[in-house]
């Protein structure tokens, strides 16, 4: 199997862009005072990212995404753990896709 140079260039550029965004975010957040309001926003980010990933598929009727969204909501609500919400979403989506057409 061969990989063409354009694909490798695209992967390299995306890696550099990701590295830049992560480091820029780290350095920029050092300039922002962490008030209680900012802390609340930062605490909500993992859930917002999870919903942003699952919601478009759920809106378009993807049963796996709907199951993942519901499982993530329930896990986040009752277990109060972002990691548990992600694991529940992945497990629910995988189960639905494995057993439903």
N, C-alpha and C. Protein backbone atom coordinates (compact mmCIF):
# COMPACT_ATOMS: atom_id res chain seq x y z
N UNK A 1 0.84 -1.17 0.00
CA UNK A 1 0.00 0.00 0.00
C UNK A 1 0.89 1.24 0.00
N UNK A 2 0.59 2.15 -0.88
CA UNK A 2 1.41 3.37 -0.96
C UNK A 2 0.56 4.58 -0.58
N UNK A 3 1.24 5.56 -0.05
CA UNK A 3 0.58 6.80 0.34
C UNK A 3 1.17 7.90 -0.51
N UNK A 4 0.28 8.69 -1.12
CA UNK A 4 0.80 9.72 -2.00
C UNK A 4 1.26 10.94 -1.20
N UNK A 5 2.11 11.74 -1.80
CA UNK A 5 2.74 12.88 -1.13
C UNK A 5 1.71 13.92 -0.69
N UNK A 6 0.66 14.10 -1.47
CA UNK A 6 -0.38 15.07 -1.11
C UNK A 6 -1.07 14.70 0.19
N UNK A 7 -1.33 13.39 0.37
CA UNK A 7 -1.96 12.92 1.60
C UNK A 7 -1.05 13.17 2.79
N UNK A 8 0.22 12.83 2.65
CA UNK A 8 1.17 13.07 3.73
C UNK A 8 1.30 14.56 4.05
N UNK A 9 1.29 15.41 3.01
CA UNK A 9 1.37 16.85 3.23
C UNK A 9 0.13 17.35 3.99
N UNK A 10 -1.05 16.86 3.61
CA UNK A 10 -2.28 17.26 4.29
C UNK A 10 -2.26 16.84 5.76
N UNK A 11 -1.81 15.62 6.02
CA UNK A 11 -1.72 15.14 7.41
C UNK A 11 -0.73 16.00 8.20
N UNK A 12 0.41 16.31 7.60
CA UNK A 12 1.41 17.15 8.27
C UNK A 12 0.89 18.55 8.56
N UNK A 13 0.19 19.14 7.60
CA UNK A 13 -0.36 20.48 7.80
C UNK A 13 -1.42 20.47 8.89
N UNK A 14 -2.27 19.44 8.90
CA UNK A 14 -3.30 19.35 9.94
C UNK A 14 -2.66 19.16 11.32
N UNK A 15 -1.59 18.38 11.39
CA UNK A 15 -0.90 18.18 12.66
C UNK A 15 -0.29 19.49 13.16
N UNK A 16 0.30 20.24 12.27
CA UNK A 16 0.89 21.53 12.66
C UNK A 16 -0.21 22.50 13.10
N UNK A 17 -1.32 22.53 12.38
CA UNK A 17 -2.43 23.42 12.76
C UNK A 17 -3.00 23.04 14.12
N UNK A 18 -3.14 21.74 14.37
CA UNK A 18 -3.63 21.28 15.67
C UNK A 18 -2.67 21.67 16.79
N UNK A 19 -1.39 21.44 16.57
CA UNK A 19 -0.38 21.81 17.56
C UNK A 19 -0.41 23.31 17.83
N UNK A 20 -0.53 24.10 16.77
CA UNK A 20 -0.59 25.56 16.94
C UNK A 20 -1.81 25.97 17.76
N UNK A 21 -2.98 25.41 17.43
CA UNK A 21 -4.21 25.76 18.16
C UNK A 21 -4.12 25.38 19.63
N UNK A 22 -3.59 24.22 19.92
CA UNK A 22 -3.48 23.79 21.32
C UNK A 22 -2.50 24.67 22.09
N UNK A 23 -1.36 24.97 21.50
CA UNK A 23 -0.38 25.79 22.21
C UNK A 23 -0.87 27.23 22.33
N UNK A 24 -1.48 27.75 21.29
CA UNK A 24 -2.00 29.12 21.36
C UNK A 24 -3.08 29.21 22.44
N UNK A 25 -3.95 28.21 22.51
CA UNK A 25 -4.98 28.21 23.56
C UNK A 25 -4.37 28.18 24.94
N UNK A 26 -3.34 27.40 25.11
CA UNK A 26 -2.65 27.32 26.41
C UNK A 26 -2.07 28.68 26.80
N UNK A 27 -1.36 29.30 25.87
CA UNK A 27 -0.73 30.58 26.18
C UNK A 27 -1.74 31.71 26.32
N UNK A 28 -2.80 31.69 25.53
CA UNK A 28 -3.82 32.73 25.65
C UNK A 28 -4.60 32.61 26.96
N UNK A 29 -4.85 31.40 27.41
CA UNK A 29 -5.59 31.22 28.66
C UNK A 29 -4.77 31.68 29.86
N UNK A 30 -3.46 31.78 29.72
CA UNK A 30 -2.63 32.30 30.81
C UNK A 30 -2.89 33.79 31.01
N UNK A 31 -3.41 34.47 29.98
CA UNK A 31 -3.67 35.90 30.05
C UNK A 31 -5.06 36.22 30.60
N UNK A 32 -5.93 35.23 30.66
CA UNK A 32 -7.31 35.44 31.10
C UNK A 32 -7.43 35.05 32.56
N UNK A 33 -7.91 35.97 33.40
CA UNK A 33 -8.09 35.61 34.80
C UNK A 33 -9.24 34.61 34.95
N UNK A 34 -9.02 33.56 35.73
CA UNK A 34 -10.02 32.52 35.89
C UNK A 34 -10.98 32.92 37.02
N UNK A 35 -12.03 33.60 36.62
CA UNK A 35 -13.07 34.00 37.56
C UNK A 35 -14.05 32.83 37.70
N UNK A 36 -14.96 32.89 38.65
CA UNK A 36 -15.95 31.81 38.76
C UNK A 36 -16.76 31.62 37.47
N UNK A 37 -17.05 32.70 36.78
CA UNK A 37 -17.80 32.60 35.52
C UNK A 37 -16.99 31.88 34.44
N UNK A 38 -15.72 32.23 34.32
CA UNK A 38 -14.84 31.56 33.34
C UNK A 38 -14.69 30.09 33.71
N UNK A 39 -14.57 29.78 35.00
CA UNK A 39 -14.44 28.39 35.45
C UNK A 39 -15.68 27.59 35.04
N UNK A 40 -16.87 28.18 35.18
CA UNK A 40 -18.11 27.49 34.78
C UNK A 40 -18.11 27.20 33.28
N UNK A 41 -17.66 28.17 32.50
CA UNK A 41 -17.59 27.97 31.05
C UNK A 41 -16.61 26.84 30.72
N UNK A 42 -15.45 26.85 31.35
CA UNK A 42 -14.46 25.81 31.10
C UNK A 42 -14.95 24.43 31.54
N UNK A 43 -15.72 24.39 32.62
CA UNK A 43 -16.27 23.11 33.08
C UNK A 43 -17.32 22.56 32.12
N UNK A 44 -17.98 23.45 31.38
CA UNK A 44 -19.03 23.02 30.44
C UNK A 44 -18.47 22.59 29.07
N UNK A 45 -17.24 22.92 28.79
CA UNK A 45 -16.68 22.65 27.46
C UNK A 45 -16.68 21.18 27.05
N UNK A 46 -16.29 20.23 27.89
CA UNK A 46 -16.28 18.84 27.43
C UNK A 46 -17.67 18.36 27.00
N UNK A 47 -18.69 18.71 27.76
CA UNK A 47 -20.05 18.32 27.39
C UNK A 47 -20.49 18.99 26.11
N UNK A 48 -20.12 20.25 25.94
CA UNK A 48 -20.49 20.97 24.72
C UNK A 48 -19.83 20.36 23.49
N UNK A 49 -18.59 19.95 23.63
CA UNK A 49 -17.89 19.32 22.51
C UNK A 49 -18.54 17.99 22.16
N UNK A 50 -18.89 17.20 23.18
CA UNK A 50 -19.54 15.91 22.94
C UNK A 50 -20.88 16.09 22.23
N UNK A 51 -21.67 17.04 22.67
CA UNK A 51 -22.95 17.30 22.02
C UNK A 51 -22.73 17.82 20.60
N UNK A 52 -21.73 18.67 20.40
CA UNK A 52 -21.44 19.19 19.06
C UNK A 52 -21.06 18.07 18.10
N UNK A 53 -20.42 17.02 18.60
CA UNK A 53 -20.06 15.90 17.75
C UNK A 53 -21.24 14.99 17.44
N UNK A 54 -22.12 14.79 18.42
CA UNK A 54 -23.22 13.84 18.27
C UNK A 54 -24.49 14.44 17.67
N UNK A 55 -24.78 15.69 17.98
CA UNK A 55 -26.06 16.29 17.59
C UNK A 55 -26.32 16.32 16.08
N UNK A 56 -25.36 16.69 15.24
CA UNK A 56 -25.67 16.73 13.80
C UNK A 56 -26.12 15.37 13.25
N UNK A 57 -25.46 14.32 13.66
CA UNK A 57 -25.87 12.98 13.23
C UNK A 57 -27.22 12.59 13.78
N UNK A 58 -27.48 12.95 15.03
CA UNK A 58 -28.77 12.64 15.65
C UNK A 58 -29.89 13.38 14.95
N UNK A 59 -29.67 14.63 14.58
CA UNK A 59 -30.70 15.41 13.89
C UNK A 59 -31.03 14.79 12.54
N UNK A 60 -30.05 14.20 11.90
CA UNK A 60 -30.27 13.58 10.60
C UNK A 60 -30.77 12.14 10.70
N UNK A 61 -31.08 11.69 11.91
CA UNK A 61 -31.71 10.39 12.08
C UNK A 61 -30.78 9.21 12.27
N UNK A 62 -29.51 9.43 12.51
CA UNK A 62 -28.56 8.35 12.75
C UNK A 62 -28.88 7.72 14.11
N UNK A 63 -29.33 6.47 14.10
CA UNK A 63 -29.76 5.81 15.34
C UNK A 63 -28.61 5.66 16.33
N UNK A 64 -27.43 5.40 15.85
CA UNK A 64 -26.27 5.28 16.72
C UNK A 64 -25.96 6.60 17.42
N UNK A 65 -26.04 7.69 16.68
CA UNK A 65 -25.78 9.00 17.27
C UNK A 65 -26.86 9.37 18.29
N UNK A 66 -28.10 9.03 17.98
CA UNK A 66 -29.19 9.32 18.93
C UNK A 66 -28.97 8.54 20.22
N UNK A 67 -28.63 7.27 20.09
CA UNK A 67 -28.37 6.45 21.28
C UNK A 67 -27.17 6.99 22.06
N UNK A 68 -26.13 7.41 21.36
CA UNK A 68 -24.96 7.98 22.01
C UNK A 68 -25.29 9.27 22.74
N UNK A 69 -26.10 10.10 22.13
CA UNK A 69 -26.49 11.36 22.75
C UNK A 69 -27.30 11.13 24.03
N UNK A 70 -28.25 10.20 23.95
CA UNK A 70 -29.07 9.88 25.12
C UNK A 70 -28.21 9.27 26.23
N UNK A 71 -27.34 8.34 25.85
CA UNK A 71 -26.47 7.69 26.85
C UNK A 71 -25.54 8.71 27.49
N UNK A 72 -24.98 9.63 26.69
CA UNK A 72 -24.09 10.65 27.24
C UNK A 72 -24.85 11.57 28.19
N UNK A 73 -26.06 11.94 27.81
CA UNK A 73 -26.87 12.80 28.68
C UNK A 73 -27.15 12.12 30.02
N UNK A 74 -27.56 10.87 29.96
CA UNK A 74 -27.88 10.14 31.19
C UNK A 74 -26.64 9.93 32.07
N UNK A 75 -25.54 9.56 31.43
CA UNK A 75 -24.31 9.34 32.20
C UNK A 75 -23.81 10.64 32.83
N UNK A 76 -23.87 11.71 32.08
CA UNK A 76 -23.42 12.99 32.62
C UNK A 76 -24.33 13.45 33.76
N UNK A 77 -25.61 13.22 33.59
CA UNK A 77 -26.58 13.66 34.61
C UNK A 77 -26.45 12.87 35.91
N UNK A 78 -26.35 11.54 35.79
CA UNK A 78 -26.38 10.70 36.99
C UNK A 78 -24.99 10.38 37.55
N UNK A 79 -23.99 10.27 36.70
CA UNK A 79 -22.65 9.94 37.17
C UNK A 79 -21.77 11.17 37.37
N UNK A 80 -22.16 12.26 36.74
CA UNK A 80 -21.42 13.53 36.82
C UNK A 80 -19.93 13.36 36.46
N UNK A 81 -19.71 12.63 35.39
CA UNK A 81 -18.35 12.39 34.93
C UNK A 81 -18.29 12.53 33.41
N UNK A 82 -17.39 13.38 32.94
CA UNK A 82 -17.24 13.55 31.49
C UNK A 82 -16.73 12.28 30.82
N UNK A 83 -15.80 11.62 31.47
CA UNK A 83 -15.24 10.38 30.91
C UNK A 83 -16.34 9.32 30.81
N UNK A 84 -17.14 9.19 31.85
CA UNK A 84 -18.24 8.22 31.82
C UNK A 84 -19.23 8.55 30.70
N UNK A 85 -19.47 9.83 30.47
CA UNK A 85 -20.39 10.24 29.40
C UNK A 85 -19.83 9.85 28.04
N UNK A 86 -18.55 10.06 27.83
CA UNK A 86 -17.93 9.70 26.54
C UNK A 86 -17.97 8.18 26.34
N UNK A 87 -17.61 7.44 27.37
CA UNK A 87 -17.61 5.97 27.28
C UNK A 87 -19.03 5.45 27.03
N UNK A 88 -20.01 6.01 27.73
CA UNK A 88 -21.41 5.59 27.54
C UNK A 88 -21.88 5.91 26.13
N UNK A 89 -21.51 7.07 25.62
CA UNK A 89 -21.91 7.44 24.25
C UNK A 89 -21.30 6.49 23.23
N UNK A 90 -20.02 6.18 23.40
CA UNK A 90 -19.36 5.27 22.45
C UNK A 90 -19.96 3.88 22.52
N UNK A 91 -20.20 3.40 23.73
CA UNK A 91 -20.76 2.05 23.90
C UNK A 91 -22.17 1.96 23.32
N UNK A 92 -22.98 2.97 23.58
CA UNK A 92 -24.35 2.96 23.07
C UNK A 92 -24.38 3.03 21.55
N UNK A 93 -23.57 3.92 20.98
CA UNK A 93 -23.53 4.05 19.52
C UNK A 93 -23.01 2.76 18.88
N UNK A 94 -21.99 2.16 19.46
CA UNK A 94 -21.44 0.90 18.92
C UNK A 94 -22.46 -0.23 19.02
N UNK A 95 -23.16 -0.30 20.15
CA UNK A 95 -24.17 -1.37 20.33
C UNK A 95 -25.30 -1.21 19.33
N UNK A 96 -25.78 0.00 19.16
CA UNK A 96 -26.88 0.22 18.21
C UNK A 96 -26.43 -0.10 16.80
N UNK A 97 -25.25 0.30 16.43
CA UNK A 97 -24.76 0.03 15.07
C UNK A 97 -24.45 -1.44 14.84
N UNK A 98 -24.10 -2.15 15.92
CA UNK A 98 -23.79 -3.57 15.78
C UNK A 98 -25.03 -4.42 15.68
N UNK A 99 -26.10 -4.02 16.37
CA UNK A 99 -27.28 -4.89 16.45
C UNK A 99 -28.49 -4.40 15.69
N UNK A 100 -28.51 -3.15 15.26
CA UNK A 100 -29.64 -2.63 14.48
C UNK A 100 -29.17 -2.34 13.05
N UNK A 101 -30.05 -2.56 12.11
CA UNK A 101 -29.67 -2.27 10.70
C UNK A 101 -29.54 -0.80 10.43
